[in-house]
Amino acid sequence: MKRTLRLIVLAFVIATPSFAGTLKITPLSRPFRRRVTAQGGGFSVDLPIVGRVRGVSTMFFTSLDITNNTTQPTGVDFFYTPADGSVVRSGSFGTLLGFDNMHTEDVLESLATAGIIPPGQENSFGTLLLTFDNPSFKTGSEATAVARIWSFAGGNAGPTYGLAYRAPALHTDGAHSLATVARNGAGLVTNIGIENVGIDDSGNSVNDPVTVRVSFFDPATGTTTGMQPNFSLTAGQVIQLNDVFNSGGKNSFQLPAGADSLIVIVDAVAGTSQIAGYAVMKDTTTNDGSFVFMQESKTPF
């Protein structure tokens, strides 16, 4: 059974599939709960980046598929944290029946249409937590959420296929140090996203901010290079460092000119919350990107 959160009619969508019905998005009548796997009571999954953002010549959107992989129904609650620190929003996507699917082509536009976020805030980005509240769901595999970030450049270019990722389930004993590689040149730029997940290692919600330090290592020398900036993130907040080799259009991190790759380490240096991160290597010609989650680094620097 496949349903949509909202069908969006856009001139550049060549063919919109016909779905069985439109799902009503509603505000939550209770506080949103983050739930980790293995503890019972359902579980939450984390989408570290959803957005509806206009670039220089391109508009980026986020579509979302939420799927129940079992015969048992489950409610689906959501919690949206804007990256700019504005008011968080929560609500319900309703109930997934057995082997059911929800879909929206533009999740933030759908939230705005439903009145969950105010007019204009759909043109933003942030994090989205989903909680599947069936008490028997505890492994993290009973239900899934997949986001696809795609773009439309207008004219004859049309929409891109974009990039996609599956939202990981929240769990105990999460990461406090992360690692990835950033590449530069040959038509590629690298964007780095860092998120305060908002739970501690026991799975309890944490409202205090976390401070992270970003370090860059030159693989040619095995030593740090450039600046090591610190960033403070509130619970659930994500920041994205665009084009890290030329941050702010003026190499704000003072990275070596001509370097084609650097190892990026993100360490939580204050606060108890788990952190998460991702890297996007984007083709500057097509605007298509490759999305990878940052991996936990067991040895903080």
C-alpha atoms as a PDB file:
ATOM      1  CA  MET A   1       0.000   0.000   0.000  1.00  0.00           C
ATOM      2  CA  LYS A   2       1.526   3.307  -1.012  1.00  0.00           C
ATOM      3  CA  ARG A   3       0.352   6.724   0.056  1.00  0.00           C
ATOM      4  CA  THR A   4       1.682  10.251  -0.213  1.00  0.00           C
ATOM      5  CA  LEU A   5       2.132  12.892   2.436  1.00  0.00           C
ATOM      6  CA  ARG A   6       1.294  15.393  -0.253  1.00  0.00           C
ATOM      7  CA  LEU A   7       1.307  15.367  -4.041  1.00  0.00           C
ATOM      8  CA  ILE A   8       3.128  18.364  -5.423  1.00  0.00           C
ATOM      9  CA  VAL A   9       2.305  19.591  -8.887  1.00  0.00           C
ATOM     10  CA  LEU A  10       5.382  21.261 -10.351  1.00  0.00           C
ATOM     11  CA  ALA A  11       5.806  22.190 -13.964  1.00  0.00           C
ATOM     12  CA  PHE A  12       9.126  20.415 -14.246  1.00  0.00           C
ATOM     13  CA  VAL A  13       7.935  17.063 -12.908  1.00  0.00           C
ATOM     14  CA  ILE A  14       7.468  15.123 -16.109  1.00  0.00           C
ATOM     15  CA  ALA A  15       5.367  12.276 -14.747  1.00  0.00           C
ATOM     16  CA  THR A  16       3.785  12.136 -11.314  1.00  0.00           C
ATOM     17  CA  PRO A  17       2.669   8.642 -10.260  1.00  0.00           C
ATOM     18  CA  SER A  18      -0.862   8.076  -9.054  1.00  0.00           C
ATOM     19  CA  PHE A  19      -1.022   7.181  -5.379  1.00  0.00           C
ATOM     20  CA  ALA A  20      -3.878   5.697  -3.386  1.00  0.00           C
ATOM     21  CA  GLY A  21      -4.519   8.755  -1.256  1.00  0.00           C
ATOM     22  CA  THR A  22      -3.183  11.802   0.548  1.00  0.00           C
ATOM     23  CA  LEU A  23      -1.991  11.423   4.137  1.00  0.00           C
ATOM     24  CA  LYS A  24      -2.947  14.168   6.561  1.00  0.00           C
ATOM     25  CA  ILE A  25      -0.083  15.660   8.570  1.00  0.00           C
ATOM     26  CA  THR A  26      -1.134  16.751  12.071  1.00  0.00           C
ATOM     27  CA  PRO A  27       0.494  18.405  15.112  1.00  0.00           C
ATOM     28  CA  LEU A  28       1.514  16.135  17.976  1.00  0.00           C
ATOM     29  CA  SER A  29      -0.820  15.992  20.958  1.00  0.00           C
ATOM     30  CA  ARG A  30       2.041  14.798  23.192  1.00  0.00           C
ATOM     31  CA  PRO A  31       5.761  15.529  23.548  1.00  0.00           C
ATOM     32  CA  PHE A  32       8.001  13.961  20.913  1.00  0.00           C
ATOM     33  CA  ARG A  33      10.162  11.127  22.260  1.00  0.00           C
ATOM     34  CA  ARG A  34      13.548  10.038  20.993  1.00  0.00           C
ATOM     35  CA  ARG A  35      13.769   6.252  21.305  1.00  0.00           C
ATOM     36  CA  VAL A  36      16.802   4.043  20.806  1.00  0.00           C
ATOM     37  CA  THR A  37      16.959   0.474  19.550  1.00  0.00           C
ATOM     38  CA  ALA A  38      17.054  -2.558  21.850  1.00  0.00           C
ATOM     39  CA  GLN A  39      15.177  -0.822  24.682  1.00  0.00           C
ATOM     40  CA  GLY A  40      11.623  -1.500  23.479  1.00  0.00           C
ATOM     41  CA  GLY A  41       8.876   1.028  22.949  1.00  0.00           C
ATOM     42  CA  GLY A  42       9.732   1.604  19.300  1.00  0.00           C
ATOM     43  CA  PHE A  43      12.748   3.415  17.884  1.00  0.00           C
ATOM     44  CA  SER A  44      13.769   6.656  16.186  1.00  0.00           C
ATOM     45  CA  VAL A  45      15.709   7.248  12.975  1.00  0.00           C
ATOM     46  CA  ASP A  46      17.766  10.331  12.197  1.00  0.00           C
ATOM     47  CA  LEU A  47      17.770  12.252   8.922  1.00  0.00           C
ATOM     48  CA  PRO A  48      20.724  14.633   9.402  1.00  0.00           C
ATOM     49  CA  ILE A  49      19.851  16.797   6.412  1.00  0.00           C
ATOM     50  CA  VAL A  50      16.535  17.627   4.785  1.00  0.00           C
ATOM     51  CA  GLY A  51      16.201  20.836   2.856  1.00  0.00           C
ATOM     52  CA  ARG A  52      14.505  23.064   0.358  1.00  0.00           C
ATOM     53  CA  VAL A  53      17.206  25.524  -0.579  1.00  0.00           C
ATOM     54  CA  ARG A  54      17.932  27.783  -3.536  1.00  0.00           C
ATOM     55  CA  GLY A  55      21.526  27.973  -4.740  1.00  0.00           C
ATOM     56  CA  VAL A  56      22.968  30.377  -7.284  1.00  0.00           C
ATOM     57  CA  SER A  57      21.064  28.808 -10.176  1.00  0.00           C
ATOM     58  CA  THR A  58      19.557  25.662  -8.694  1.00  0.00           C
ATOM     59  CA  MET A  59      16.741  24.746  -6.312  1.00  0.00           C
ATOM     60  CA  PHE A  60      17.338  21.723  -4.059  1.00  0.00           C
ATOM     61  CA  PHE A  61      14.461  19.627  -2.664  1.00  0.00           C
ATOM     62  CA  THR A  62      14.173  16.594  -0.364  1.00  0.00           C
ATOM     63  CA  SER A  63      11.795  13.739  -1.092  1.00  0.00           C
ATOM     64  CA  LEU A  64      11.058  11.173   1.596  1.00  0.00           C
ATOM     65  CA  ASP A  65       9.892   7.560   1.673  1.00  0.00           C
ATOM     66  CA  ILE A  66       8.874   5.955   4.975  1.00  0.00           C
ATOM     67  CA  THR A  67       8.248   2.211   4.910  1.00  0.00           C
ATOM     68  CA  ASN A  68       6.907  -0.383   7.334  1.00  0.00           C
ATOM     69  CA  ASN A  69       8.643  -3.712   6.701  1.00  0.00           C
ATOM     70  CA  THR A  70       6.378  -5.779   8.961  1.00  0.00           C
ATOM     71  CA  THR A  71       2.749  -6.885   9.191  1.00  0.00           C
ATOM     72  CA  GLN A  72       2.187  -4.779  12.327  1.00  0.00           C
ATOM     73  CA  PRO A  73       1.000  -1.155  12.123  1.00  0.00           C
ATOM     74  CA  THR A  74       3.012   1.682  13.633  1.00  0.00           C
ATOM     75  CA  GLY A  75       2.500   5.351  14.257  1.00  0.00           C
ATOM     76  CA  VAL A  76       5.115   7.732  12.828  1.00  0.00           C
ATOM     77  CA  ASP A  77       5.957  10.972  14.667  1.00  0.00           C
ATOM     78  CA  PHE A  78       8.433  13.588  13.432  1.00  0.00           C
ATOM     79  CA  PHE A  79      10.595  16.337  14.926  1.00  0.00           C
ATOM     80  CA  TYR A  80      12.121  19.022  12.661  1.00  0.00           C
ATOM     81  CA  THR A  81      15.045  21.150  13.918  1.00  0.00           C
ATOM     82  CA  PRO A  82      15.938  24.044  11.583  1.00  0.00           C
ATOM     83  CA  ALA A  83      19.661  24.618  11.096  1.00  0.00           C
ATOM     84  CA  ASP A  84      19.286  28.355  11.734  1.00  0.00           C
ATOM     85  CA  GLY A  85      18.221  27.821  15.345  1.00  0.00           C
ATOM     86  CA  SER A  86      14.595  28.865  14.841  1.00  0.00           C
ATOM     87  CA  VAL A  87      11.704  27.120  16.614  1.00  0.00           C
ATOM     88  CA  VAL A  88      11.608  23.322  16.373  1.00  0.00           C
ATOM     89  CA  ARG A  89       8.432  21.689  15.043  1.00  0.00           C
ATOM     90  CA  SER A  90       6.855  18.309  15.706  1.00  0.00           C
ATOM     91  CA  GLY A  91       3.894  16.383  14.397  1.00  0.00           C
ATOM     92  CA  SER A  92       2.553  13.075  13.197  1.00  0.00           C
ATOM     93  CA  PHE A  93       2.633  11.477   9.774  1.00  0.00           C
ATOM     94  CA  GLY A  94      -0.152   9.152  10.927  1.00  0.00           C
ATOM     95  CA  THR A  95      -0.107   5.358  10.918  1.00  0.00           C
ATOM     96  CA  LEU A  96       1.722   2.976   8.618  1.00  0.00           C
ATOM     97  CA  LEU A  97      -0.232  -0.211   8.122  1.00  0.00           C
ATOM     98  CA  GLY A  98       1.470  -3.556   7.541  1.00  0.00           C
ATOM     99  CA  PHE A  99       3.885  -3.420   4.594  1.00  0.00           C
ATOM    100  CA  ASP A 100       2.895   0.188   3.984  1.00  0.00           C
ATOM    101  CA  ASN A 101       4.678   3.200   2.512  1.00  0.00           C
ATOM    102  CA  MET A 102       4.383   6.986   2.817  1.00  0.00           C
ATOM    103  CA  HIS A 103       5.902   9.319   0.227  1.00  0.00           C
ATOM    104  CA  THR A 104       6.371  13.023  -0.412  1.00  0.00           C
ATOM    105  CA  GLU A 105       8.352  14.688  -3.189  1.00  0.00           C
ATOM    106  CA  ASP A 106       9.101  17.753  -1.035  1.00  0.00           C
ATOM    107  CA  VAL A 107       8.935  17.094   2.686  1.00  0.00           C
ATOM    108  CA  LEU A 108       9.415  20.684   3.910  1.00  0.00           C
ATOM    109  CA  GLU A 109       6.858  22.062   1.475  1.00  0.00           C
ATOM    110  CA  SER A 110       4.445  19.400   2.747  1.00  0.00           C
ATOM    111  CA  LEU A 111       5.031  20.504   6.364  1.00  0.00           C
ATOM    112  CA  ALA A 112       4.420  24.132   5.396  1.00  0.00           C
ATOM    113  CA  THR A 113       1.218  23.269   3.528  1.00  0.00           C
ATOM    114  CA  ALA A 114      -0.027  21.388   6.603  1.00  0.00           C
ATOM    115  CA  GLY A 115       0.695  24.441   8.778  1.00  0.00           C
ATOM    116  CA  ILE A 116       3.386  22.698  10.842  1.00  0.00           C
ATOM    117  CA  ILE A 117       6.066  25.195   9.864  1.00  0.00           C
ATOM    118  CA  PRO A 118       5.280  28.861   9.096  1.00  0.00           C
ATOM    119  CA  PRO A 119       5.256  30.283   5.556  1.00  0.00           C
ATOM    120  CA  GLY A 120       8.781  30.844   4.285  1.00  0.00           C
ATOM    121  CA  GLN A 121      10.455  28.386   6.667  1.00  0.00           C
ATOM    122  CA  GLU A 122      10.022  25.598   4.117  1.00  0.00           C
ATOM    123  CA  ASN A 123      12.867  27.314   2.240  1.00  0.00           C
ATOM    124  CA  SER A 124      15.431  26.133   4.758  1.00  0.00           C
ATOM    125  CA  PHE A 125      17.263  23.009   5.876  1.00  0.00           C
ATOM    126  CA  GLY A 126      17.680  21.091   9.085  1.00  0.00           C
ATOM    127  CA  THR A 127      17.388  17.671  10.722  1.00  0.00           C
ATOM    128  CA  LEU A 128      14.347  15.416  10.873  1.00  0.00           C
ATOM    129  CA  LEU A 129      13.827  12.711  13.499  1.00  0.00           C
ATOM    130  CA  LEU A 130      11.162  10.057  12.985  1.00  0.00           C
ATOM    131  CA  THR A 131       9.858   7.815  15.768  1.00  0.00           C
ATOM    132  CA  PHE A 132       8.121   4.521  14.999  1.00  0.00           C
ATOM    133  CA  ASP A 133       6.069   3.940  18.142  1.00  0.00           C
ATOM    134  CA  ASN A 134       5.107   0.263  17.823  1.00  0.00           C
ATOM    135  CA  PRO A 135       6.408  -1.143  21.158  1.00  0.00           C
ATOM    136  CA  SER A 136       7.575  -4.378  19.513  1.00  0.00           C
ATOM    137  CA  PHE A 137       9.892  -2.483  17.129  1.00  0.00           C
ATOM    138  CA  LYS A 138      13.339  -2.632  18.678  1.00  0.00           C
ATOM    139  CA  THR A 139      15.970  -3.774  16.137  1.00  0.00           C
ATOM    140  CA  GLY A 140      15.886  -0.784  13.798  1.00  0.00           C
ATOM    141  CA  SER A 141      15.026  -2.918  10.771  1.00  0.00           C
ATOM    142  CA  GLU A 142      11.240  -3.048  11.188  1.00  0.00           C
ATOM    143  CA  ALA A 143      10.793   0.303   9.426  1.00  0.00           C
ATOM    144  CA  THR A 144      12.961   2.512   7.235  1.00  0.00           C
ATOM    145  CA  ALA A 145      13.148   6.086   6.013  1.00  0.00           C
ATOM    146  CA  VAL A 146      14.991   7.058   2.831  1.00  0.00           C
ATOM    147  CA  ALA A 147      15.633  10.662   1.788  1.00  0.00           C
ATOM    148  CA  ARG A 148      16.543  11.789  -1.725  1.00  0.00           C
ATOM    149  CA  ILE A 149      17.958  15.258  -2.244  1.00  0.00           C
ATOM    150  CA  TRP A 150      17.528  16.348  -5.829  1.00  0.00           C
ATOM    151  CA  SER A 151      17.791  19.611  -7.711  1.00  0.00           C
ATOM    152  CA  PHE A 152      16.207  21.523 -10.548  1.00  0.00           C
ATOM    153  CA  ALA A 153      18.253  24.012 -12.519  1.00  0.00           C
ATOM    154  CA  GLY A 154      15.481  25.291 -14.806  1.00  0.00           C
ATOM    155  CA  GLY A 155      15.580  25.713 -18.556  1.00  0.00           C
ATOM    156  CA  ASN A 156      16.465  22.615 -20.535  1.00  0.00           C
ATOM    157  CA  ALA A 157      18.571  21.099 -17.740  1.00  0.00           C
ATOM    158  CA  GLY A 158      15.577  19.660 -15.875  1.00  0.00           C
ATOM    159  CA  PRO A 159      15.736  17.791 -12.560  1.00  0.00           C
ATOM    160  CA  THR A 160      18.712  15.696 -11.491  1.00  0.00           C
ATOM    161  CA  TYR A 161      18.643  12.272  -9.906  1.00  0.00           C
ATOM    162  CA  GLY A 162      20.446  13.772  -6.932  1.00  0.00           C
ATOM    163  CA  LEU A 163      21.647  11.720  -3.979  1.00  0.00           C
ATOM    164  CA  ALA A 164      19.943   9.447  -1.480  1.00  0.00           C
ATOM    165  CA  TYR A 165      20.586   7.966   1.952  1.00  0.00           C
ATOM    166  CA  ARG A 166      18.846   5.724   4.475  1.00  0.00           C
ATOM    167  CA  ALA A 167      18.273   7.218   7.928  1.00  0.00           C
ATOM    168  CA  PRO A 168      20.166   5.323  10.668  1.00  0.00           C
ATOM    169  CA  ALA A 169      18.395   4.278  13.854  1.00  0.00           C
ATOM    170  CA  LEU A 170      19.320   5.945  17.144  1.00  0.00           C
ATOM    171  CA  HIS A 171      21.219   3.678  19.529  1.00  0.00           C
ATOM    172  CA  THR A 172      23.188   3.733  22.763  1.00  0.00           C
ATOM    173  CA  ASP A 173      26.961   4.275  22.916  1.00  0.00           C
ATOM    174  CA  GLY A 174      27.091   6.474  19.825  1.00  0.00           C
ATOM    175  CA  ALA A 175      29.892   8.492  18.282  1.00  0.00           C
ATOM    176  CA  HIS A 176      31.765  11.407  19.852  1.00  0.00           C
ATOM    177  CA  SER A 177      34.514  11.495  17.233  1.00  0.00           C
ATOM    178  CA  LEU A 178      34.052  11.217  13.453  1.00  0.00           C
ATOM    179  CA  ALA A 179      36.226  10.877  10.363  1.00  0.00           C
ATOM    180  CA  THR A 180      35.850  11.259   6.595  1.00  0.00           C
ATOM    181  CA  VAL A 181      37.811  12.327   3.518  1.00  0.00           C
ATOM    182  CA  ALA A 182      37.284  15.566   1.621  1.00  0.00           C
ATOM    183  CA  ARG A 183      38.280  15.905  -2.014  1.00  0.00           C
ATOM    184  CA  ASN A 184      38.911  18.980  -4.115  1.00  0.00           C
ATOM    185  CA  GLY A 185      39.487  19.876  -7.773  1.00  0.00           C
ATOM    186  CA  ALA A 186      38.550  18.215 -11.063  1.00  0.00           C
ATOM    187  CA  GLY A 187      35.089  19.748 -10.828  1.00  0.00           C
ATOM    188  CA  LEU A 188      34.408  18.484  -7.272  1.00  0.00           C
ATOM    189  CA  VAL A 189      33.729  20.348  -4.044  1.00  0.00           C
ATOM    190  CA  THR A 190      33.165  18.768  -0.618  1.00  0.00           C
ATOM    191  CA  ASN A 191      30.532  19.838   1.905  1.00  0.00           C
ATOM    192  CA  ILE A 192      30.690  18.566   5.488  1.00  0.00           C
ATOM    193  CA  GLY A 193      27.650  18.288   7.786  1.00  0.00           C
ATOM    194  CA  ILE A 194      27.903  17.914  11.572  1.00  0.00           C
ATOM    195  CA  GLU A 195      24.922  17.191  13.861  1.00  0.00           C
ATOM    196  CA  ASN A 196      24.225  17.192  17.582  1.00  0.00           C
ATOM    197  CA  VAL A 197      22.059  14.063  17.777  1.00  0.00           C
ATOM    198  CA  GLY A 198      20.512  15.138  21.094  1.00  0.00           C
ATOM    199  CA  ILE A 199      20.946  11.904  23.106  1.00  0.00           C
ATOM    200  CA  ASP A 200      23.683  10.648  25.412  1.00  0.00           C
ATOM    201  CA  ASP A 201      25.256   7.190  25.380  1.00  0.00           C
ATOM    202  CA  SER A 202      22.422   5.768  27.499  1.00  0.00           C
ATOM    203  CA  GLY A 203      19.848   6.978  24.996  1.00  0.00           C
ATOM    204  CA  ASN A 204      18.544   9.793  27.202  1.00  0.00           C
ATOM    205  CA  SER A 205      17.597  13.110  25.614  1.00  0.00           C
ATOM    206  CA  VAL A 206      20.154  15.892  26.128  1.00  0.00           C
ATOM    207  CA  ASN A 207      19.079  19.520  25.819  1.00  0.00           C
ATOM    208  CA  ASP A 208      22.532  21.026  26.395  1.00  0.00           C
ATOM    209  CA  PRO A 209      24.689  22.050  23.434  1.00  0.00           C
ATOM    210  CA  VAL A 210      27.753  20.174  22.261  1.00  0.00           C
ATOM    211  CA  THR A 211      30.966  21.803  21.051  1.00  0.00           C
ATOM    212  CA  VAL A 212      32.900  20.142  18.239  1.00  0.00           C
ATOM    213  CA  ARG A 213      36.395  20.771  16.885  1.00  0.00           C
ATOM    214  CA  VAL A 214      37.116  20.192  13.193  1.00  0.00           C
ATOM    215  CA  SER A 215      40.678  19.150  12.286  1.00  0.00           C
ATOM    216  CA  PHE A 216      42.171  18.704   8.822  1.00  0.00           C
ATOM    217  CA  PHE A 217      44.983  16.208   8.210  1.00  0.00           C
ATOM    218  CA  ASP A 218      47.166  16.283   5.119  1.00  0.00           C
ATOM    219  CA  PRO A 219      47.688  12.648   3.963  1.00  0.00           C
ATOM    220  CA  ALA A 220      50.975  13.713   2.341  1.00  0.00           C
ATOM    221  CA  THR A 221      52.494  14.525   5.740  1.00  0.00           C
ATOM    222  CA  GLY A 222      50.196  12.838   8.278  1.00  0.00           C
ATOM    223  CA  THR A 223      49.944  16.087  10.239  1.00  0.00           C
ATOM    224  CA  THR A 224      47.264  18.687  10.827  1.00  0.00           C
ATOM    225  CA  THR A 225      47.020  21.602   8.443  1.00  0.00           C
ATOM    226  CA  GLY A 226      45.106  24.873   8.416  1.00  0.00           C
ATOM    227  CA  MET A 227      42.795  25.964  11.200  1.00  0.00           C
ATOM    228  CA  GLN A 228      40.968  23.799  13.737  1.00  0.00           C
ATOM    229  CA  PRO A 229      37.657  25.661  14.160  1.00  0.00           C
ATOM    230  CA  ASN A 230      35.176  24.978  16.959  1.00  0.00           C
ATOM    231  CA  PHE A 231      31.400  25.030  16.526  1.00  0.00           C
ATOM    232  CA  SER A 232      28.621  24.901  19.134  1.00  0.00           C
ATOM    233  CA  LEU A 233      25.453  22.991  18.240  1.00  0.00           C
ATOM    234  CA  THR A 234      22.149  22.913  20.088  1.00  0.00           C
ATOM    235  CA  ALA A 235      20.281  19.606  20.454  1.00  0.00           C
ATOM    236  CA  GLY A 236      19.239  18.348  17.025  1.00  0.00           C
ATOM    237  CA  GLN A 237      21.016  21.132  15.153  1.00  0.00           C
ATOM    238  CA  VAL A 238      23.115  20.534  12.042  1.00  0.00           C
ATOM    239  CA  ILE A 239      25.676  22.834  10.457  1.00  0.00           C
ATOM    240  CA  GLN A 240      26.987  22.398   6.926  1.00  0.00           C
ATOM    241  CA  LEU A 241      30.446  23.592   5.936  1.00  0.00           C
ATOM    242  CA  ASN A 242      30.199  24.194   2.207  1.00  0.00           C
ATOM    243  CA  ASP A 243      33.239  23.780  -0.059  1.00  0.00           C
ATOM    244  CA  VAL A 244      35.625  23.236   2.848  1.00  0.00           C
ATOM    245  CA  PHE A 245      38.679  23.893   0.671  1.00  0.00           C
ATOM    246  CA  ASN A 246      37.387  27.393  -0.059  1.00  0.00           C
ATOM    247  CA  SER A 247      35.051  28.079   2.847  1.00  0.00           C
ATOM    248  CA  GLY A 248      33.278  31.402   2.584  1.00  0.00           C
ATOM    249  CA  GLY A 249      34.861  31.924  -0.837  1.00  0.00           C
ATOM    250  CA  LYS A 250      38.115  32.965   0.822  1.00  0.00           C
ATOM    251  CA  ASN A 251      39.636  29.739   2.230  1.00  0.00           C
ATOM    252  CA  SER A 252      38.527  30.603   5.751  1.00  0.00           C
ATOM    253  CA  PHE A 253      40.124  27.432   7.145  1.00  0.00           C
ATOM    254  CA  GLN A 254      43.521  28.321   5.580  1.00  0.00           C
ATOM    255  CA  LEU A 255      43.914  24.948   3.893  1.00  0.00           C
ATOM    256  CA  PRO A 256      46.875  24.332   1.562  1.00  0.00           C
ATOM    257  CA  ALA A 257      46.402  25.519  -1.996  1.00  0.00           C
ATOM    258  CA  GLY A 258      46.516  22.696  -4.522  1.00  0.00           C
ATOM    259  CA  ALA A 259      45.678  19.905  -2.042  1.00  0.00           C
ATOM    260  CA  ASP A 260      43.377  17.392  -3.708  1.00  0.00           C
ATOM    261  CA  SER A 261      42.341  15.538  -0.534  1.00  0.00           C
ATOM    262  CA  LEU A 262      42.338  15.958   3.233  1.00  0.00           C
ATOM    263  CA  ILE A 263      41.232  13.737   6.119  1.00  0.00           C
ATOM    264  CA  VAL A 264      38.613  15.476   8.271  1.00  0.00           C
ATOM    265  CA  ILE A 265      38.278  14.607  11.968  1.00  0.00           C
ATOM    266  CA  VAL A 266      35.408  15.982  14.085  1.00  0.00           C
ATOM    267  CA  ASP A 267      35.753  15.653  17.872  1.00  0.00           C
ATOM    268  CA  ALA A 268      33.194  16.536  20.535  1.00  0.00           C
ATOM    269  CA  VAL A 269      35.232  18.589  23.004  1.00  0.00           C
ATOM    270  CA  ALA A 270      32.396  19.689  25.331  1.00  0.00           C
ATOM    271  CA  GLY A 271      28.994  18.200  26.065  1.00  0.00           C
ATOM    272  CA  THR A 272      27.683  14.659  26.469  1.00  0.00           C
ATOM    273  CA  SER A 273      25.522  14.294  23.361  1.00  0.00           C
ATOM    274  CA  GLN A 274      26.308  11.901  20.552  1.00  0.00           C
ATOM    275  CA  ILE A 275      27.301  13.492  17.253  1.00  0.00           C
ATOM    276  CA  ALA A 276      26.775  12.450  13.636  1.00  0.00           C
ATOM    277  CA  GLY A 277      28.084  13.753  10.341  1.00  0.00           C
ATOM    278  CA  TYR A 278      28.174  13.361   6.592  1.00  0.00           C
ATOM    279  CA  ALA A 279      30.205  14.395   3.567  1.00  0.00           C
ATOM    280  CA  VAL A 280      28.833  15.323   0.158  1.00  0.00           C
ATOM    281  CA  MET A 281      31.153  15.414  -2.831  1.00  0.00           C
ATOM    282  CA  LYS A 282      29.338  17.530  -5.399  1.00  0.00           C
ATOM    283  CA  ASP A 283      29.900  17.811  -9.128  1.00  0.00           C
ATOM    284  CA  THR A 284      29.933  21.555  -9.821  1.00  0.00           C
ATOM    285  CA  THR A 285      28.739  21.038 -13.402  1.00  0.00           C
ATOM    286  CA  THR A 286      25.729  18.749 -12.908  1.00  0.00           C
ATOM    287  CA  ASN A 287      25.005  19.515  -9.200  1.00  0.00           C
ATOM    288  CA  ASP A 288      24.817  15.769  -8.553  1.00  0.00           C
ATOM    289  CA  GLY A 289      26.484  14.612  -5.379  1.00  0.00           C
ATOM    290  CA  SER A 290      27.721  11.544  -3.535  1.00  0.00           C
ATOM    291  CA  PHE A 291      26.552  11.294   0.085  1.00  0.00           C
ATOM    292  CA  VAL A 292      28.454   9.305   2.733  1.00  0.00           C
ATOM    293  CA  PHE A 293      28.016   9.213   6.495  1.00  0.00           C
ATOM    294  CA  MET A 294      31.105  10.095   8.514  1.00  0.00           C
ATOM    295  CA  GLN A 295      32.490   7.065  10.346  1.00  0.00           C
ATOM    296  CA  GLU A 296      33.118   6.879  14.062  1.00  0.00           C
ATOM    297  CA  SER A 297      36.738   7.467  15.009  1.00  0.00           C
ATOM    298  CA  LYS A 298      37.691   5.637  18.195  1.00  0.00           C
ATOM    299  CA  THR A 299      40.812   7.738  18.761  1.00  0.00           C
ATOM    300  CA  PRO A 300      40.005  11.414  19.431  1.00  0.00           C
ATOM    301  CA  PHE A 301      42.702  13.922  18.499  1.00  0.00           C
END
